[in-house]
N, C-alpha and C. Protein backbone atom coordinates (compact mmCIF):
# COMPACT_ATOMS: atom_id res chain seq x y z
N UNK A 1 -17.05 8.63 14.17
CA UNK A 1 -16.38 7.52 14.82
C UNK A 1 -14.89 7.58 14.50
N UNK A 2 -14.07 7.45 15.52
CA UNK A 2 -12.63 7.54 15.35
C UNK A 2 -12.00 6.20 15.05
N UNK A 3 -10.70 6.25 14.95
CA UNK A 3 -9.90 5.05 14.77
C UNK A 3 -8.56 5.30 15.44
N UNK A 4 -7.68 4.34 15.41
CA UNK A 4 -6.39 4.46 16.09
C UNK A 4 -5.60 5.65 15.57
N UNK A 5 -5.66 5.89 14.28
CA UNK A 5 -4.93 7.03 13.70
C UNK A 5 -5.44 8.36 14.26
N UNK A 6 -6.75 8.57 14.23
CA UNK A 6 -7.29 9.85 14.69
C UNK A 6 -7.29 9.96 16.22
N UNK A 7 -7.50 8.84 16.91
CA UNK A 7 -7.61 8.88 18.37
C UNK A 7 -6.27 8.85 19.09
N UNK A 8 -5.25 8.26 18.48
CA UNK A 8 -3.96 8.11 19.17
C UNK A 8 -2.83 8.81 18.42
N UNK A 9 -2.61 8.42 17.19
CA UNK A 9 -1.44 8.93 16.47
C UNK A 9 -1.49 10.44 16.27
N UNK A 10 -2.61 10.96 15.78
CA UNK A 10 -2.72 12.40 15.53
C UNK A 10 -2.56 13.23 16.81
N UNK A 11 -2.83 12.63 17.94
CA UNK A 11 -2.74 13.36 19.22
C UNK A 11 -1.38 13.19 19.90
N UNK A 12 -0.53 12.35 19.35
CA UNK A 12 0.77 12.09 19.95
C UNK A 12 1.72 13.27 19.72
N UNK A 13 2.54 13.58 20.72
CA UNK A 13 3.49 14.69 20.63
C UNK A 13 4.50 14.51 19.50
N UNK A 14 4.69 13.30 19.04
CA UNK A 14 5.68 13.02 17.99
C UNK A 14 5.07 13.07 16.58
N UNK A 15 3.86 13.53 16.45
CA UNK A 15 3.16 13.51 15.16
C UNK A 15 3.95 14.20 14.05
N UNK A 16 4.70 15.24 14.36
CA UNK A 16 5.47 15.96 13.33
C UNK A 16 6.98 15.84 13.51
N UNK A 17 7.43 14.90 14.31
CA UNK A 17 8.86 14.77 14.58
C UNK A 17 9.65 14.40 13.32
N UNK A 18 10.88 14.86 13.27
CA UNK A 18 11.79 14.46 12.20
C UNK A 18 12.71 13.33 12.65
N UNK A 19 12.55 12.89 13.88
CA UNK A 19 13.37 11.81 14.42
C UNK A 19 12.69 10.45 14.19
N UNK A 20 13.48 9.37 14.13
CA UNK A 20 12.86 8.05 14.01
C UNK A 20 12.09 7.68 15.26
N UNK A 21 10.94 7.04 15.07
CA UNK A 21 10.10 6.59 16.18
C UNK A 21 9.95 5.07 16.04
N UNK A 22 10.35 4.36 17.08
CA UNK A 22 10.25 2.90 17.07
C UNK A 22 9.39 2.38 18.21
N UNK A 23 8.45 3.17 18.65
CA UNK A 23 7.55 2.84 19.75
C UNK A 23 6.42 1.94 19.24
N UNK A 24 6.39 0.69 19.69
CA UNK A 24 5.34 -0.21 19.19
C UNK A 24 3.95 0.21 19.66
N UNK A 25 3.88 1.08 20.65
CA UNK A 25 2.57 1.56 21.09
C UNK A 25 1.93 2.50 20.07
N UNK A 26 2.70 2.92 19.07
CA UNK A 26 2.13 3.72 17.99
C UNK A 26 1.72 2.85 16.80
N UNK A 27 1.70 1.54 17.01
CA UNK A 27 1.14 0.63 16.00
C UNK A 27 -0.30 0.32 16.37
N UNK A 28 -1.15 0.30 15.40
CA UNK A 28 -2.56 -0.05 15.59
C UNK A 28 -2.59 -1.40 16.34
N UNK A 29 -3.46 -1.57 17.35
CA UNK A 29 -3.40 -2.74 18.24
C UNK A 29 -3.38 -4.11 17.57
N UNK A 30 -4.18 -4.35 16.54
CA UNK A 30 -4.16 -5.65 15.87
C UNK A 30 -2.80 -5.85 15.18
N UNK A 31 -2.33 -4.81 14.51
CA UNK A 31 -1.03 -4.88 13.84
C UNK A 31 0.09 -5.07 14.87
N UNK A 32 0.01 -4.35 15.98
CA UNK A 32 1.01 -4.48 17.04
C UNK A 32 1.11 -5.92 17.53
N UNK A 33 -0.02 -6.56 17.76
CA UNK A 33 -0.02 -7.95 18.23
C UNK A 33 0.63 -8.87 17.20
N UNK A 34 0.38 -8.61 15.93
CA UNK A 34 0.98 -9.42 14.87
C UNK A 34 2.50 -9.22 14.84
N UNK A 35 2.95 -8.00 15.03
CA UNK A 35 4.39 -7.72 15.05
C UNK A 35 5.06 -8.42 16.23
N UNK A 36 4.44 -8.34 17.39
CA UNK A 36 4.98 -9.03 18.57
C UNK A 36 5.07 -10.53 18.30
N UNK A 37 4.06 -11.09 17.67
CA UNK A 37 4.05 -12.52 17.34
C UNK A 37 5.14 -12.88 16.33
N UNK A 38 5.32 -12.05 15.32
CA UNK A 38 6.37 -12.31 14.33
C UNK A 38 7.74 -12.29 14.99
N UNK A 39 7.97 -11.31 15.85
CA UNK A 39 9.27 -11.22 16.54
C UNK A 39 9.49 -12.47 17.39
N UNK A 40 8.46 -12.94 18.08
CA UNK A 40 8.58 -14.16 18.90
C UNK A 40 8.80 -15.39 18.02
N UNK A 41 8.07 -15.49 16.92
CA UNK A 41 8.25 -16.62 16.00
C UNK A 41 9.66 -16.64 15.42
N UNK A 42 10.16 -15.48 15.03
CA UNK A 42 11.51 -15.39 14.47
C UNK A 42 12.55 -15.82 15.51
N UNK A 43 12.35 -15.36 16.74
CA UNK A 43 13.29 -15.71 17.81
C UNK A 43 13.32 -17.22 18.04
N UNK A 44 12.16 -17.86 17.97
CA UNK A 44 12.08 -19.31 18.14
C UNK A 44 12.87 -20.04 17.06
N UNK A 45 13.11 -19.35 15.94
CA UNK A 45 13.89 -19.95 14.84
C UNK A 45 15.30 -19.35 14.76
N UNK A 46 15.72 -18.69 15.85
CA UNK A 46 17.09 -18.18 15.93
C UNK A 46 17.34 -16.85 15.26
N UNK A 47 16.28 -16.14 14.89
CA UNK A 47 16.43 -14.85 14.24
C UNK A 47 15.93 -13.76 15.19
N UNK A 48 16.83 -12.91 15.64
CA UNK A 48 16.48 -11.82 16.55
C UNK A 48 16.07 -10.59 15.74
N UNK A 49 14.79 -10.23 15.82
CA UNK A 49 14.28 -9.05 15.11
C UNK A 49 13.82 -7.99 16.10
N UNK A 50 13.74 -6.77 15.62
CA UNK A 50 13.17 -5.67 16.40
C UNK A 50 12.38 -4.76 15.46
N UNK A 51 11.37 -4.12 16.02
CA UNK A 51 10.57 -3.18 15.24
C UNK A 51 11.32 -1.85 15.15
N UNK A 52 11.41 -1.33 13.95
CA UNK A 52 12.09 -0.06 13.72
C UNK A 52 11.18 0.81 12.87
N UNK A 53 11.15 2.09 13.17
CA UNK A 53 10.29 3.03 12.46
C UNK A 53 8.84 2.55 12.44
N UNK A 54 8.27 2.48 13.61
CA UNK A 54 6.86 2.09 13.72
C UNK A 54 5.95 3.22 13.29
N UNK A 55 6.40 4.44 13.47
CA UNK A 55 5.64 5.61 13.02
C UNK A 55 6.60 6.52 12.27
N UNK A 56 6.12 7.10 11.20
CA UNK A 56 6.93 8.06 10.46
C UNK A 56 6.07 9.25 10.07
N UNK A 57 6.50 10.42 10.47
CA UNK A 57 5.76 11.64 10.15
C UNK A 57 6.02 12.08 8.72
N UNK A 58 5.19 12.95 8.24
CA UNK A 58 5.37 13.56 6.92
C UNK A 58 6.71 14.29 6.89
N UNK A 59 7.01 14.98 7.98
CA UNK A 59 8.25 15.75 8.08
C UNK A 59 9.49 14.84 8.03
N UNK A 60 9.43 13.70 8.72
CA UNK A 60 10.56 12.77 8.70
C UNK A 60 10.72 12.17 7.30
N UNK A 61 9.62 11.85 6.65
CA UNK A 61 9.69 11.29 5.30
C UNK A 61 10.39 12.27 4.36
N UNK A 62 10.10 13.55 4.49
CA UNK A 62 10.74 14.55 3.64
C UNK A 62 12.25 14.59 3.89
N UNK A 63 12.65 14.49 5.16
CA UNK A 63 14.08 14.46 5.50
C UNK A 63 14.75 13.25 4.86
N UNK A 64 14.12 12.08 4.99
CA UNK A 64 14.68 10.85 4.41
C UNK A 64 14.80 10.96 2.89
N UNK A 65 13.79 11.53 2.27
CA UNK A 65 13.81 11.72 0.82
C UNK A 65 14.94 12.67 0.42
N UNK A 66 15.05 13.79 1.13
CA UNK A 66 16.08 14.79 0.83
C UNK A 66 17.49 14.21 0.99
N UNK A 67 17.65 13.28 1.94
CA UNK A 67 18.95 12.65 2.17
C UNK A 67 19.23 11.51 1.19
N UNK A 68 18.24 11.14 0.40
CA UNK A 68 18.39 10.02 -0.52
C UNK A 68 18.20 8.67 0.15
N UNK A 69 17.73 8.67 1.39
CA UNK A 69 17.52 7.43 2.14
C UNK A 69 16.20 6.77 1.79
N UNK A 70 15.32 7.48 1.11
CA UNK A 70 14.04 6.93 0.67
C UNK A 70 13.75 7.40 -0.75
N UNK A 71 13.13 6.52 -1.53
CA UNK A 71 12.72 6.88 -2.88
C UNK A 71 11.33 7.52 -2.88
N UNK A 72 10.66 7.47 -1.73
CA UNK A 72 9.31 8.00 -1.62
C UNK A 72 9.33 9.41 -1.03
N UNK A 73 8.76 10.35 -1.75
CA UNK A 73 8.70 11.72 -1.24
C UNK A 73 7.60 11.86 -0.17
N UNK A 74 6.50 11.19 -0.40
CA UNK A 74 5.39 11.30 0.56
C UNK A 74 5.36 10.08 1.46
N UNK A 75 5.05 10.33 2.71
CA UNK A 75 4.99 9.25 3.70
C UNK A 75 3.89 8.26 3.34
N UNK A 76 4.12 7.01 3.65
CA UNK A 76 3.16 5.96 3.33
C UNK A 76 2.45 5.42 4.56
N UNK A 77 2.32 4.12 4.61
CA UNK A 77 1.52 3.44 5.62
C UNK A 77 2.12 3.56 7.02
N UNK A 78 3.44 3.84 7.12
CA UNK A 78 4.07 4.06 8.43
C UNK A 78 3.37 5.19 9.19
N UNK A 79 2.82 6.14 8.48
CA UNK A 79 2.20 7.31 9.10
C UNK A 79 0.90 6.97 9.84
N UNK A 80 0.32 5.82 9.56
CA UNK A 80 -1.00 5.47 10.08
C UNK A 80 -0.97 4.35 11.12
N UNK A 81 0.22 3.97 11.57
CA UNK A 81 0.32 2.91 12.58
C UNK A 81 0.08 1.53 12.02
N UNK A 82 0.22 1.39 10.70
CA UNK A 82 -0.08 0.12 10.03
C UNK A 82 1.13 -0.46 9.30
N UNK A 83 2.32 0.07 9.57
CA UNK A 83 3.54 -0.44 8.94
C UNK A 83 4.71 -0.26 9.88
N UNK A 84 5.69 -1.14 9.73
CA UNK A 84 6.96 -0.96 10.42
C UNK A 84 8.02 -1.77 9.70
N UNK A 85 9.24 -1.47 10.03
CA UNK A 85 10.36 -2.23 9.50
C UNK A 85 10.81 -3.19 10.60
N UNK A 86 11.02 -4.43 10.22
CA UNK A 86 11.54 -5.43 11.15
C UNK A 86 12.98 -5.71 10.75
N UNK A 87 13.89 -5.25 11.58
CA UNK A 87 15.31 -5.37 11.29
C UNK A 87 15.95 -6.30 12.32
N UNK A 88 17.18 -6.71 12.06
CA UNK A 88 17.89 -7.56 13.01
C UNK A 88 18.19 -6.78 14.28
N UNK A 89 18.09 -7.48 15.38
CA UNK A 89 18.44 -6.93 16.68
C UNK A 89 19.83 -7.46 17.03
N UNK A 90 20.83 -6.61 16.94
CA UNK A 90 22.21 -6.98 17.25
C UNK A 90 22.63 -6.22 18.51
N UNK A 91 22.57 -6.93 19.62
CA UNK A 91 22.91 -6.32 20.92
C UNK A 91 22.09 -5.06 21.19
N UNK A 92 20.81 -5.11 20.86
CA UNK A 92 19.91 -3.99 21.11
C UNK A 92 19.96 -2.89 20.07
N UNK A 93 20.76 -3.05 19.04
CA UNK A 93 20.89 -2.05 17.98
C UNK A 93 20.31 -2.60 16.67
N UNK A 94 19.66 -1.74 15.87
CA UNK A 94 19.10 -2.20 14.60
C UNK A 94 20.18 -2.46 13.56
N UNK A 95 19.98 -3.51 12.77
CA UNK A 95 20.90 -3.83 11.68
C UNK A 95 20.10 -4.29 10.47
N UNK A 96 20.50 -3.80 9.31
CA UNK A 96 19.86 -4.16 8.05
C UNK A 96 20.71 -5.18 7.29
N UNK A 97 21.75 -5.69 7.93
CA UNK A 97 22.65 -6.63 7.27
C UNK A 97 22.12 -8.05 7.40
N UNK A 98 22.39 -8.86 6.39
CA UNK A 98 22.01 -10.26 6.44
C UNK A 98 20.82 -10.59 5.56
N UNK A 99 20.40 -11.81 5.67
CA UNK A 99 19.31 -12.36 4.86
C UNK A 99 17.97 -12.15 5.58
N UNK A 100 17.04 -11.51 4.92
CA UNK A 100 15.72 -11.26 5.50
C UNK A 100 14.63 -12.06 4.80
N UNK A 101 15.01 -13.06 4.02
CA UNK A 101 14.01 -13.83 3.27
C UNK A 101 13.03 -14.56 4.18
N UNK A 102 13.42 -14.88 5.41
CA UNK A 102 12.51 -15.54 6.35
C UNK A 102 11.35 -14.64 6.75
N UNK A 103 11.51 -13.33 6.56
CA UNK A 103 10.45 -12.40 6.95
C UNK A 103 9.20 -12.58 6.09
N UNK A 104 9.37 -12.94 4.82
CA UNK A 104 8.21 -13.14 3.94
C UNK A 104 7.23 -14.17 4.47
N UNK A 105 7.67 -15.41 4.71
CA UNK A 105 6.74 -16.41 5.25
C UNK A 105 6.17 -16.02 6.61
N UNK A 106 6.96 -15.33 7.43
CA UNK A 106 6.43 -14.88 8.73
C UNK A 106 5.32 -13.85 8.52
N UNK A 107 5.55 -12.91 7.63
CA UNK A 107 4.53 -11.89 7.34
C UNK A 107 3.26 -12.54 6.84
N UNK A 108 3.39 -13.43 5.85
CA UNK A 108 2.21 -14.10 5.29
C UNK A 108 1.45 -14.88 6.36
N UNK A 109 2.17 -15.57 7.21
CA UNK A 109 1.49 -16.39 8.22
C UNK A 109 0.71 -15.55 9.22
N UNK A 110 1.04 -14.26 9.30
CA UNK A 110 0.32 -13.35 10.19
C UNK A 110 -0.55 -12.35 9.43
N UNK A 111 -0.87 -12.67 8.18
CA UNK A 111 -1.75 -11.87 7.32
C UNK A 111 -1.24 -10.44 7.13
N UNK A 112 0.07 -10.31 6.92
CA UNK A 112 0.66 -9.00 6.67
C UNK A 112 1.31 -8.98 5.30
N UNK A 113 1.37 -7.81 4.72
CA UNK A 113 1.99 -7.60 3.43
C UNK A 113 3.49 -7.38 3.64
N UNK A 114 4.30 -8.08 2.87
CA UNK A 114 5.75 -7.95 2.96
C UNK A 114 6.23 -7.01 1.85
N UNK A 115 7.09 -6.09 2.19
CA UNK A 115 7.57 -5.10 1.25
C UNK A 115 8.46 -5.61 0.14
N UNK A 116 8.76 -6.88 0.14
CA UNK A 116 9.55 -7.44 -0.95
C UNK A 116 8.67 -7.70 -2.17
N UNK A 117 7.44 -8.20 -1.92
CA UNK A 117 6.56 -8.49 -3.06
C UNK A 117 5.22 -7.76 -2.98
N UNK A 118 5.01 -6.97 -1.94
CA UNK A 118 3.84 -6.12 -1.77
C UNK A 118 2.52 -6.89 -1.91
N UNK A 119 2.54 -8.15 -1.47
CA UNK A 119 1.31 -8.93 -1.45
C UNK A 119 0.99 -9.66 -2.73
N UNK A 120 1.90 -9.59 -3.72
CA UNK A 120 1.66 -10.33 -4.96
C UNK A 120 3.00 -10.67 -5.61
N UNK A 121 3.47 -11.87 -5.33
CA UNK A 121 4.76 -12.32 -5.85
C UNK A 121 4.72 -12.60 -7.35
N UNK A 122 3.53 -12.63 -7.93
CA UNK A 122 3.40 -12.92 -9.36
C UNK A 122 3.69 -11.70 -10.23
N UNK A 123 3.75 -10.53 -9.62
CA UNK A 123 4.00 -9.30 -10.36
C UNK A 123 5.46 -8.88 -10.10
N UNK A 124 6.21 -8.55 -11.14
CA UNK A 124 7.58 -8.05 -10.91
C UNK A 124 7.54 -6.67 -10.25
N UNK A 125 8.29 -6.49 -9.20
CA UNK A 125 8.30 -5.23 -8.46
C UNK A 125 9.66 -4.55 -8.61
N UNK A 126 9.64 -3.28 -8.97
CA UNK A 126 10.89 -2.53 -9.09
C UNK A 126 11.30 -1.94 -7.75
N UNK A 127 10.35 -1.74 -6.85
CA UNK A 127 10.64 -1.20 -5.51
C UNK A 127 10.43 -2.31 -4.51
N UNK A 128 11.50 -2.72 -3.85
CA UNK A 128 11.43 -3.78 -2.86
C UNK A 128 12.00 -3.28 -1.55
N UNK A 129 11.27 -3.50 -0.49
CA UNK A 129 11.69 -3.09 0.86
C UNK A 129 11.63 -4.34 1.72
N UNK A 130 12.72 -5.06 1.77
CA UNK A 130 12.76 -6.41 2.34
C UNK A 130 12.50 -6.45 3.85
N UNK A 131 12.65 -5.34 4.56
CA UNK A 131 12.42 -5.33 6.01
C UNK A 131 11.05 -4.76 6.38
N UNK A 132 10.27 -4.36 5.40
CA UNK A 132 9.00 -3.68 5.62
C UNK A 132 7.83 -4.67 5.66
N UNK A 133 6.93 -4.48 6.63
CA UNK A 133 5.66 -5.20 6.67
C UNK A 133 4.55 -4.19 6.96
N UNK A 134 3.34 -4.50 6.46
CA UNK A 134 2.22 -3.59 6.69
C UNK A 134 0.90 -4.34 6.71
N UNK A 135 -0.07 -3.73 7.36
CA UNK A 135 -1.42 -4.30 7.45
C UNK A 135 -2.38 -3.44 6.62
N UNK A 136 -2.03 -3.32 5.36
CA UNK A 136 -2.84 -2.56 4.42
C UNK A 136 -2.43 -3.01 3.03
N UNK A 137 -3.39 -3.44 2.22
CA UNK A 137 -3.07 -3.84 0.86
C UNK A 137 -2.75 -2.60 0.02
N UNK A 138 -2.08 -2.81 -1.09
CA UNK A 138 -1.79 -1.69 -1.99
C UNK A 138 -3.07 -1.07 -2.51
N UNK A 139 -4.10 -1.89 -2.74
CA UNK A 139 -5.36 -1.36 -3.28
C UNK A 139 -6.11 -0.48 -2.28
N UNK A 140 -5.81 -0.60 -1.00
CA UNK A 140 -6.48 0.23 0.03
C UNK A 140 -5.70 1.49 0.38
N UNK A 141 -4.46 1.60 -0.08
CA UNK A 141 -3.62 2.72 0.36
C UNK A 141 -4.20 4.08 0.03
N UNK A 142 -4.75 4.27 -1.15
CA UNK A 142 -5.28 5.59 -1.52
C UNK A 142 -6.40 6.02 -0.58
N UNK A 143 -7.29 5.11 -0.22
CA UNK A 143 -8.38 5.48 0.69
C UNK A 143 -7.86 5.67 2.12
N UNK A 144 -6.80 4.94 2.50
CA UNK A 144 -6.17 5.17 3.80
C UNK A 144 -5.57 6.56 3.85
N UNK A 145 -4.79 6.93 2.83
CA UNK A 145 -4.12 8.23 2.79
C UNK A 145 -5.13 9.38 2.74
N UNK A 146 -6.30 9.15 2.14
CA UNK A 146 -7.35 10.17 2.07
C UNK A 146 -8.19 10.19 3.35
N UNK A 147 -7.86 9.31 4.30
CA UNK A 147 -8.57 9.16 5.57
C UNK A 147 -10.05 8.82 5.37
N UNK A 148 -10.32 8.02 4.33
CA UNK A 148 -11.68 7.55 4.07
C UNK A 148 -11.87 6.12 4.54
N UNK A 149 -10.78 5.45 4.89
CA UNK A 149 -10.83 4.05 5.30
C UNK A 149 -9.74 3.80 6.33
N UNK A 150 -10.05 2.94 7.29
CA UNK A 150 -9.07 2.46 8.26
C UNK A 150 -9.50 1.04 8.62
N UNK A 151 -8.57 0.11 8.76
CA UNK A 151 -8.97 -1.29 8.97
C UNK A 151 -9.66 -1.51 10.31
N UNK A 152 -10.64 -2.40 10.30
CA UNK A 152 -11.24 -2.83 11.56
C UNK A 152 -10.47 -4.06 12.04
N UNK A 153 -10.88 -4.62 13.16
CA UNK A 153 -10.16 -5.74 13.77
C UNK A 153 -10.11 -6.98 12.89
N UNK A 154 -11.13 -7.17 12.06
CA UNK A 154 -11.19 -8.39 11.25
C UNK A 154 -10.53 -8.25 9.87
N UNK A 155 -10.02 -7.09 9.55
CA UNK A 155 -9.46 -6.84 8.23
C UNK A 155 -8.29 -7.78 7.93
N UNK A 156 -8.33 -8.36 6.74
CA UNK A 156 -7.26 -9.21 6.21
C UNK A 156 -6.89 -8.65 4.84
N UNK A 157 -5.68 -8.11 4.67
CA UNK A 157 -5.33 -7.52 3.37
C UNK A 157 -5.34 -8.51 2.22
N UNK A 158 -5.30 -9.81 2.53
CA UNK A 158 -5.33 -10.80 1.46
C UNK A 158 -6.75 -11.06 0.94
N UNK A 159 -7.73 -10.36 1.48
CA UNK A 159 -9.09 -10.41 0.95
C UNK A 159 -9.36 -9.24 -0.01
N UNK A 160 -8.35 -8.41 -0.23
CA UNK A 160 -8.50 -7.26 -1.12
C UNK A 160 -8.07 -7.61 -2.55
N UNK A 161 -8.63 -6.93 -3.55
CA UNK A 161 -8.26 -7.20 -4.94
C UNK A 161 -6.76 -6.99 -5.17
N UNK A 162 -6.18 -7.86 -5.96
CA UNK A 162 -4.78 -7.73 -6.33
C UNK A 162 -3.79 -8.32 -5.34
N UNK A 163 -4.27 -8.74 -4.21
CA UNK A 163 -3.40 -9.32 -3.19
C UNK A 163 -3.53 -10.82 -3.24
N UNK A 164 -2.40 -11.51 -3.34
CA UNK A 164 -2.38 -12.95 -3.53
C UNK A 164 -1.51 -13.59 -2.46
N UNK A 165 -1.97 -14.64 -1.86
CA UNK A 165 -1.14 -15.35 -0.90
C UNK A 165 -0.49 -16.51 -1.55
């Protein structure tokens, strides 16, 4: 039995690209709907957001690491259609400037993990990615990366061990 990663992402021509991919169609459908809702909710509160880096290949991750743009050598949840960065939309261009603290409550309200606290604000985090959201708890990442697990439609990362709302 397949899943969005094996049925769509692995078959996409951009699977090994070194260029940024911001195509929301490469987000797993449940996650995609949540991202669209977050963007709409933010807009209703005067914050213009856009999805950036919806998919990231292993090859692109290596380029980012080599350039010092990422602290992670190996690609993470972006590779599986379950993560993206939500950045400001300034005249159609991405911007990382400004306050992104509103993204946390938006992520939580849509059952997504925010890269600032990684699903548990009670633990001090040395790595914070304030524009990152994902539909995979930290405790599930190893099985996701090993391709032993992929979320179904009802999956809520806040039902996993170590994740606190």
